[in-house]
Amino acid sequence: MIEKQETFDIWKRNVGSRILRWKSGLSPEDRNLFQDYSAASLGHLERYILANYSLASLRDKQSNPVLDACVSYFGETIINLLPG
C-alpha cells in the first residue's frame, strides 16, 4: 500500500511537467486553446481527444503519455474552477 501511495505522490508532483510536455507538442493553434484552465477549455479538450483518439487508443501504450496529460489538464482545470 505504501508503494502505491508513493507512486501516486510522484504522479501528482509531475502533473505540471506532463501538461507542459503535452502542450509543447501541440500546434500553436491548439496550444492557445489550453492556456487558461477555463471551463471553455474543457470543451476544446473534449473535441481534441475525440478528434485524435479512439477507444483503441486507450489500449495503446504510445498514447498513454498524451492521454495522461489530457486527464491531468482536466483535473487541474476542475481544481482551478472550484471556489475557494
Protein backbone atom coordinates (compact mmCIF):
# COMPACT_ATOMS: atom_id res chain seq x y z
CA MET A 1 0.00 0.00 0.00
CA ILE A 2 2.83 2.39 0.81
CA GLU A 3 4.39 1.75 -2.62
CA LYS A 4 1.11 2.69 -4.35
CA GLN A 5 0.89 5.89 -2.31
CA GLU A 6 4.48 6.81 -3.19
CA THR A 7 3.76 6.18 -6.88
CA PHE A 8 0.67 8.37 -6.67
CA ASP A 9 2.62 11.12 -4.87
CA ILE A 10 5.23 11.09 -7.64
CA TRP A 11 2.48 11.20 -10.26
CA LYS A 12 0.89 14.23 -8.52
CA ARG A 13 4.21 16.08 -8.29
CA ASN A 14 4.73 15.70 -12.03
CA VAL A 15 1.32 16.95 -13.20
CA GLY A 16 2.67 20.30 -14.36
CA SER A 17 5.56 18.82 -16.31
CA ARG A 18 3.26 16.30 -18.04
CA ILE A 19 0.93 19.08 -19.12
CA LEU A 20 3.83 21.23 -20.37
CA ARG A 21 5.29 18.34 -22.39
CA TRP A 22 1.91 17.69 -23.98
CA LYS A 23 1.35 21.36 -24.79
CA SER A 24 4.81 21.68 -26.31
CA GLY A 25 3.87 19.04 -28.89
CA LEU A 26 0.66 20.81 -29.92
CA SER A 27 0.25 23.15 -32.85
CA PRO A 28 0.27 26.83 -31.85
CA GLU A 29 -3.48 26.98 -32.54
CA ASP A 30 -4.21 24.03 -30.27
CA ARG A 31 -1.78 25.26 -27.63
CA ASN A 32 -3.70 28.55 -27.40
CA LEU A 33 -6.90 26.63 -26.60
CA PHE A 34 -5.35 25.20 -23.43
CA GLN A 35 -3.71 28.23 -21.82
CA ASP A 36 -6.18 29.39 -19.22
CA TYR A 37 -7.57 26.30 -17.47
CA SER A 38 -11.07 27.68 -18.09
CA ALA A 39 -14.39 25.86 -18.33
CA ALA A 40 -14.38 26.68 -22.07
CA SER A 41 -11.04 24.92 -22.47
CA LEU A 42 -12.66 21.68 -21.30
CA GLY A 43 -14.91 21.74 -24.36
CA HIS A 44 -11.82 22.21 -26.51
CA LEU A 45 -10.16 19.33 -24.68
CA GLU A 46 -13.12 17.06 -25.36
CA ARG A 47 -13.06 17.90 -29.08
CA TYR A 48 -9.27 17.42 -29.19
CA ILE A 49 -9.50 13.96 -27.61
CA LEU A 50 -12.41 12.83 -29.79
CA ALA A 51 -10.67 14.07 -32.96
CA ASN A 52 -7.32 12.46 -32.16
CA TYR A 53 -8.03 9.31 -30.15
CA SER A 54 -10.32 6.30 -30.21
CA LEU A 55 -11.24 3.64 -27.70
CA ALA A 56 -8.39 1.57 -29.13
CA SER A 57 -6.03 4.40 -28.14
CA LEU A 58 -6.77 3.61 -24.52
CA ARG A 59 -5.03 0.27 -25.02
CA ASP A 60 -2.12 1.75 -26.97
CA LYS A 61 0.80 2.40 -24.64
CA GLN A 62 2.16 5.07 -27.02
CA SER A 63 -0.98 7.16 -26.41
CA ASN A 64 -0.69 6.89 -22.62
CA PRO A 65 1.53 9.95 -22.02
CA VAL A 66 -0.72 12.23 -24.05
CA LEU A 67 -3.93 10.90 -22.58
CA ASP A 68 -2.41 11.12 -19.09
CA ALA A 69 -1.54 14.76 -19.78
CA CYS A 70 -5.09 15.42 -21.02
CA VAL A 71 -6.54 13.91 -17.85
CA SER A 72 -4.06 15.93 -15.79
CA TYR A 73 -5.13 19.13 -17.59
CA PHE A 74 -8.78 18.24 -16.95
CA GLY A 75 -8.10 17.68 -13.25
CA GLU A 76 -6.10 20.88 -12.84
CA THR A 77 -8.86 22.82 -14.60
CA ILE A 78 -11.51 21.41 -12.27
CA ILE A 79 -9.36 22.28 -9.25
CA ASN A 80 -8.88 25.84 -10.58
CA LEU A 81 -12.62 26.26 -11.13
CA LEU A 82 -13.61 25.18 -7.63
CA PRO A 83 -14.50 28.09 -5.36
CA GLY A 84 -12.19 28.89 -2.51
